[in-house]
Amino acid sequence: MSSWMAGGQADTWSNTPIGGYVRNRDKSSVTIQSWHTARRENNQPYVAPKRDDTLWDLTVVDEVHSAREETQLYDLLTRVESASECLYALTATPIQLNVGELYDLLRLVDLLESWDDREQFEEFFETRRVFEESLDEVGTGSQGSTLAEQTFLDSVRKELELSDDKEGKQLAQTCIETFAEMLHGHIDAYAGYDDRAQEVVDGPKSFD
């Protein structure tokens, strides 16, 4: 294992300190580098050169909570993601991010296609907040299913500050449907989430 501070200029990646090390080995290579060094603009091409094929089988980056869009570290992570077969972005630091910043980090580790849209991603979490408040208003099964659904829809519309007309109700319905599609996509893609989702459906806030 080695750590480098890339310096000078090289005509090809194989002539850089990292490239030369990898080129001269006849077995798998493991490299370790400080992201404080790697993120520097003149070092990024050495760590993650732009090429048609991937360079690294696996890249592990720690302290990713420090990455924000339009920072050198985030630029580095974007390049590394393209140059790697697999990227693990790690942090053990408790952080509070706004939803947009959370999206910026998660999109580096292969978000589902239905989730890989910043505006839709942010709307999902806003809709979840609205759902929680609207479900409290509906209650715990004191109404019939049809009436409860209508009450829920009206509450969602009000929380989203949509107009009390056909257009407003349709927008609220579309918001609910988009949320459901994203949620189902996530459940289908990851093992174990279907059981958790069923627990929620069968819980005390079910309409039935």
Protein backbone atom coordinates (compact mmCIF):
# COMPACT_ATOMS: atom_id res chain seq x y z
CA MET A 1 0.00 0.00 0.00
CA SER A 2 1.27 3.45 -0.78
CA SER A 3 0.25 7.06 -0.42
CA TRP A 4 1.17 9.73 -2.94
CA MET A 5 1.01 13.42 -3.47
CA ALA A 6 0.82 13.67 -7.22
CA GLY A 7 3.19 16.29 -8.52
CA GLY A 8 4.42 17.59 -11.83
CA GLN A 9 2.79 16.71 -15.14
CA ALA A 10 2.54 13.43 -17.05
CA ASP A 11 1.63 12.83 -20.68
CA THR A 12 -0.37 9.67 -19.85
CA TRP A 13 -1.95 8.25 -16.73
CA SER A 14 0.49 5.31 -16.68
CA ASN A 15 3.31 7.81 -16.25
CA THR A 16 1.81 9.38 -13.13
CA PRO A 17 2.99 8.20 -9.69
CA ILE A 18 -0.15 6.09 -9.24
CA GLY A 19 -0.29 4.84 -12.81
CA GLY A 20 3.35 3.88 -12.81
CA TYR A 21 2.94 1.93 -9.57
CA VAL A 22 -0.03 -0.01 -10.93
CA ARG A 23 1.58 -0.57 -14.35
CA ASN A 24 4.73 -2.11 -12.88
CA ARG A 25 2.94 -4.64 -10.69
CA ASP A 26 1.97 -8.13 -11.86
CA LYS A 27 -0.78 -8.56 -9.28
CA SER A 28 -3.73 -6.63 -7.89
CA SER A 29 -2.88 -3.21 -6.48
CA VAL A 30 -4.25 -1.47 -3.41
CA THR A 31 -3.62 2.24 -3.06
CA ILE A 32 -4.38 4.57 -0.16
CA GLN A 33 -4.44 8.34 -0.44
CA SER A 34 -5.64 11.21 1.70
CA TRP A 35 -8.72 12.82 0.16
CA HIS A 36 -7.32 16.16 1.28
CA THR A 37 -4.56 15.58 -1.28
CA ALA A 38 -6.59 13.74 -3.89
CA ARG A 39 -9.29 16.42 -4.10
CA ARG A 40 -6.86 19.07 -5.37
CA GLU A 41 -7.74 20.02 -8.91
CA ASN A 42 -4.35 19.10 -10.38
CA ASN A 43 -4.37 15.72 -8.57
CA GLN A 44 -7.86 14.54 -9.54
CA PRO A 45 -6.83 13.32 -13.03
CA TYR A 46 -4.18 11.12 -11.40
CA VAL A 47 -6.64 9.50 -9.01
CA ALA A 48 -9.56 9.17 -11.44
CA PRO A 49 -8.59 9.88 -15.06
CA LYS A 50 -11.33 10.25 -17.62
CA ARG A 51 -11.36 7.15 -19.82
CA ASP A 52 -13.77 4.89 -21.67
CA ASP A 53 -13.37 1.95 -19.29
CA THR A 54 -13.28 1.79 -15.50
CA LEU A 55 -9.89 1.95 -13.78
CA TRP A 56 -10.59 0.70 -10.25
CA ASP A 57 -12.50 -2.45 -9.27
CA LEU A 58 -13.42 -0.93 -5.92
CA THR A 59 -12.98 2.50 -4.39
CA VAL A 60 -13.67 3.24 -0.73
CA VAL A 61 -13.93 6.88 0.36
CA ASP A 62 -14.27 7.78 4.03
CA GLU A 63 -15.51 11.03 5.58
CA VAL A 64 -17.92 11.70 2.70
CA HIS A 65 -20.06 13.88 4.97
CA SER A 66 -17.54 16.59 4.10
CA ALA A 67 -18.55 16.50 0.43
CA ARG A 68 -20.96 19.13 -0.85
CA GLU A 69 -21.85 19.89 -4.44
CA GLU A 70 -19.51 22.46 -5.99
CA THR A 71 -16.67 21.49 -3.63
CA GLN A 72 -13.42 19.89 -4.77
CA LEU A 73 -14.16 16.75 -2.75
CA TYR A 74 -17.53 16.33 -4.44
CA ASP A 75 -15.90 16.83 -7.84
CA LEU A 76 -13.43 14.10 -6.91
CA LEU A 77 -16.19 11.71 -5.84
CA THR A 78 -18.00 12.30 -9.13
CA ARG A 79 -14.86 11.41 -11.08
CA VAL A 80 -14.10 8.41 -8.87
CA GLU A 81 -17.64 7.07 -9.32
CA SER A 82 -17.16 7.10 -13.09
CA ALA A 83 -13.71 5.48 -12.87
CA SER A 84 -14.76 2.65 -10.51
CA GLU A 85 -16.73 -0.55 -10.89
CA CYS A 86 -17.97 -0.08 -7.32
CA LEU A 87 -17.86 2.88 -4.94
CA TYR A 88 -18.39 2.75 -1.18
CA ALA A 89 -18.98 6.20 0.31
CA LEU A 90 -18.55 5.98 4.08
CA THR A 91 -19.04 8.16 7.14
CA ALA A 92 -19.49 7.48 10.85
CA THR A 93 -20.19 11.11 11.67
CA PRO A 94 -23.78 12.01 12.63
CA ILE A 95 -24.87 14.76 10.26
CA GLN A 96 -27.96 16.76 9.50
CA LEU A 97 -28.34 17.47 5.83
CA ASN A 98 -31.08 19.11 3.88
CA VAL A 99 -32.70 16.67 1.48
CA GLY A 100 -30.94 18.14 -1.54
CA GLU A 101 -27.52 17.51 0.00
CA LEU A 102 -28.56 13.96 0.88
CA TYR A 103 -29.49 13.44 -2.76
CA ASP A 104 -26.09 14.72 -3.90
CA LEU A 105 -24.36 12.05 -1.82
CA LEU A 106 -26.71 9.15 -2.57
CA ARG A 107 -26.60 9.70 -6.33
CA LEU A 108 -22.91 8.78 -6.22
CA VAL A 109 -23.78 5.23 -5.15
CA ASP A 110 -26.31 4.33 -7.83
CA LEU A 111 -29.75 5.60 -6.92
CA LEU A 112 -32.64 3.81 -8.57
CA GLU A 113 -33.66 5.48 -11.83
CA SER A 114 -36.99 6.57 -10.35
CA TRP A 115 -35.13 8.27 -7.48
CA ASP A 116 -32.36 9.84 -9.55
CA ASP A 117 -34.06 13.19 -10.00
CA ARG A 118 -33.27 15.91 -7.49
CA GLU A 119 -36.67 17.63 -7.58
CA GLN A 120 -38.59 14.36 -7.35
CA PHE A 121 -36.29 13.15 -4.55
CA GLU A 122 -36.97 16.29 -2.51
CA GLU A 123 -40.70 16.06 -3.18
CA PHE A 124 -40.75 12.47 -1.89
CA PHE A 125 -39.56 13.51 1.57
CA GLU A 126 -41.85 16.54 1.64
CA THR A 127 -44.75 14.24 0.73
CA ARG A 128 -43.75 11.83 3.49
CA ARG A 129 -43.91 14.68 6.00
CA VAL A 130 -47.34 15.66 4.70
CA PHE A 131 -48.52 12.04 4.88
CA GLU A 132 -47.57 11.76 8.55
CA GLU A 133 -49.57 14.85 9.45
CA SER A 134 -52.51 13.85 7.26
CA LEU A 135 -52.68 10.35 8.73
CA ASP A 136 -52.90 11.88 12.20
CA GLU A 137 -55.88 13.89 11.02
CA VAL A 138 -57.60 10.85 9.50
CA GLY A 139 -57.35 8.93 12.77
CA THR A 140 -57.06 5.23 13.46
CA GLY A 141 -59.94 3.54 11.72
CA SER A 142 -62.89 5.49 13.09
CA GLN A 143 -64.15 6.19 9.57
CA GLY A 144 -65.11 3.98 6.66
CA SER A 145 -62.41 3.25 4.10
CA THR A 146 -63.86 5.51 1.36
CA LEU A 147 -64.45 8.45 3.70
CA ALA A 148 -61.00 8.03 5.26
CA GLU A 149 -59.34 8.09 1.83
CA GLN A 150 -61.20 11.27 0.89
CA THR A 151 -60.31 12.89 4.20
CA PHE A 152 -56.69 11.90 3.68
CA LEU A 153 -56.66 13.32 0.13
CA ASP A 154 -58.17 16.61 1.32
CA SER A 155 -55.63 16.84 4.12
CA VAL A 156 -52.74 16.22 1.73
CA ARG A 157 -54.07 18.93 -0.58
CA LYS A 158 -54.28 21.43 2.28
CA GLU A 159 -50.81 20.58 3.62
CA LEU A 160 -49.36 21.06 0.14
CA GLU A 161 -51.23 24.37 -0.08
CA LEU A 162 -53.05 23.36 -3.27
CA SER A 163 -56.26 24.97 -4.43
CA ASP A 164 -59.65 23.54 -3.43
CA ASP A 165 -60.74 22.79 -6.97
CA LYS A 166 -60.44 19.99 -9.51
CA GLU A 167 -56.89 20.95 -10.46
CA GLY A 168 -55.72 21.08 -6.85
CA LYS A 169 -57.25 17.70 -6.06
CA GLN A 170 -55.68 16.19 -9.16
CA LEU A 171 -52.26 17.54 -8.19
CA ALA A 172 -52.64 16.04 -4.74
CA GLN A 173 -53.62 12.70 -6.27
CA THR A 174 -50.61 12.81 -8.61
CA CYS A 175 -48.34 13.56 -5.67
CA ILE A 176 -49.67 10.52 -3.82
CA GLU A 177 -49.27 8.28 -6.88
CA THR A 178 -45.68 9.44 -7.50
CA PHE A 179 -44.83 8.78 -3.86
CA ALA A 180 -46.32 5.29 -4.09
CA GLU A 181 -44.45 4.48 -7.31
CA MET A 182 -41.11 5.55 -5.82
CA LEU A 183 -41.80 3.61 -2.63
CA HIS A 184 -42.76 0.45 -4.51
CA GLY A 185 -39.67 0.77 -6.68
CA HIS A 186 -37.50 0.90 -3.57
CA ILE A 187 -39.32 -2.05 -1.98
CA ASP A 188 -38.91 -4.17 -5.11
CA ALA A 189 -35.20 -3.34 -5.45
CA TYR A 190 -34.05 -4.09 -1.91
CA ALA A 191 -34.65 -7.30 0.02
CA GLY A 192 -36.42 -7.00 3.35
CA TYR A 193 -38.25 -3.72 2.71
CA ASP A 194 -41.41 -5.51 1.61
CA ASP A 195 -41.83 -7.04 5.08
CA ARG A 196 -41.30 -3.67 6.77
CA ALA A 197 -43.78 -2.00 4.42
CA GLN A 198 -46.39 -4.64 5.22
CA GLU A 199 -45.91 -4.00 8.94
CA VAL A 200 -46.64 -0.33 8.36
CA VAL A 201 -49.73 -1.13 6.27
CA ASP A 202 -51.04 -3.48 8.96
CA GLY A 203 -50.28 -0.99 11.73
CA PRO A 204 -52.78 1.11 13.73
CA LYS A 205 -52.87 3.86 11.09
CA SER A 206 -54.28 1.61 8.40
CA PHE A 207 -57.54 2.88 6.85
CA ASP A 208 -59.27 -0.45 7.32
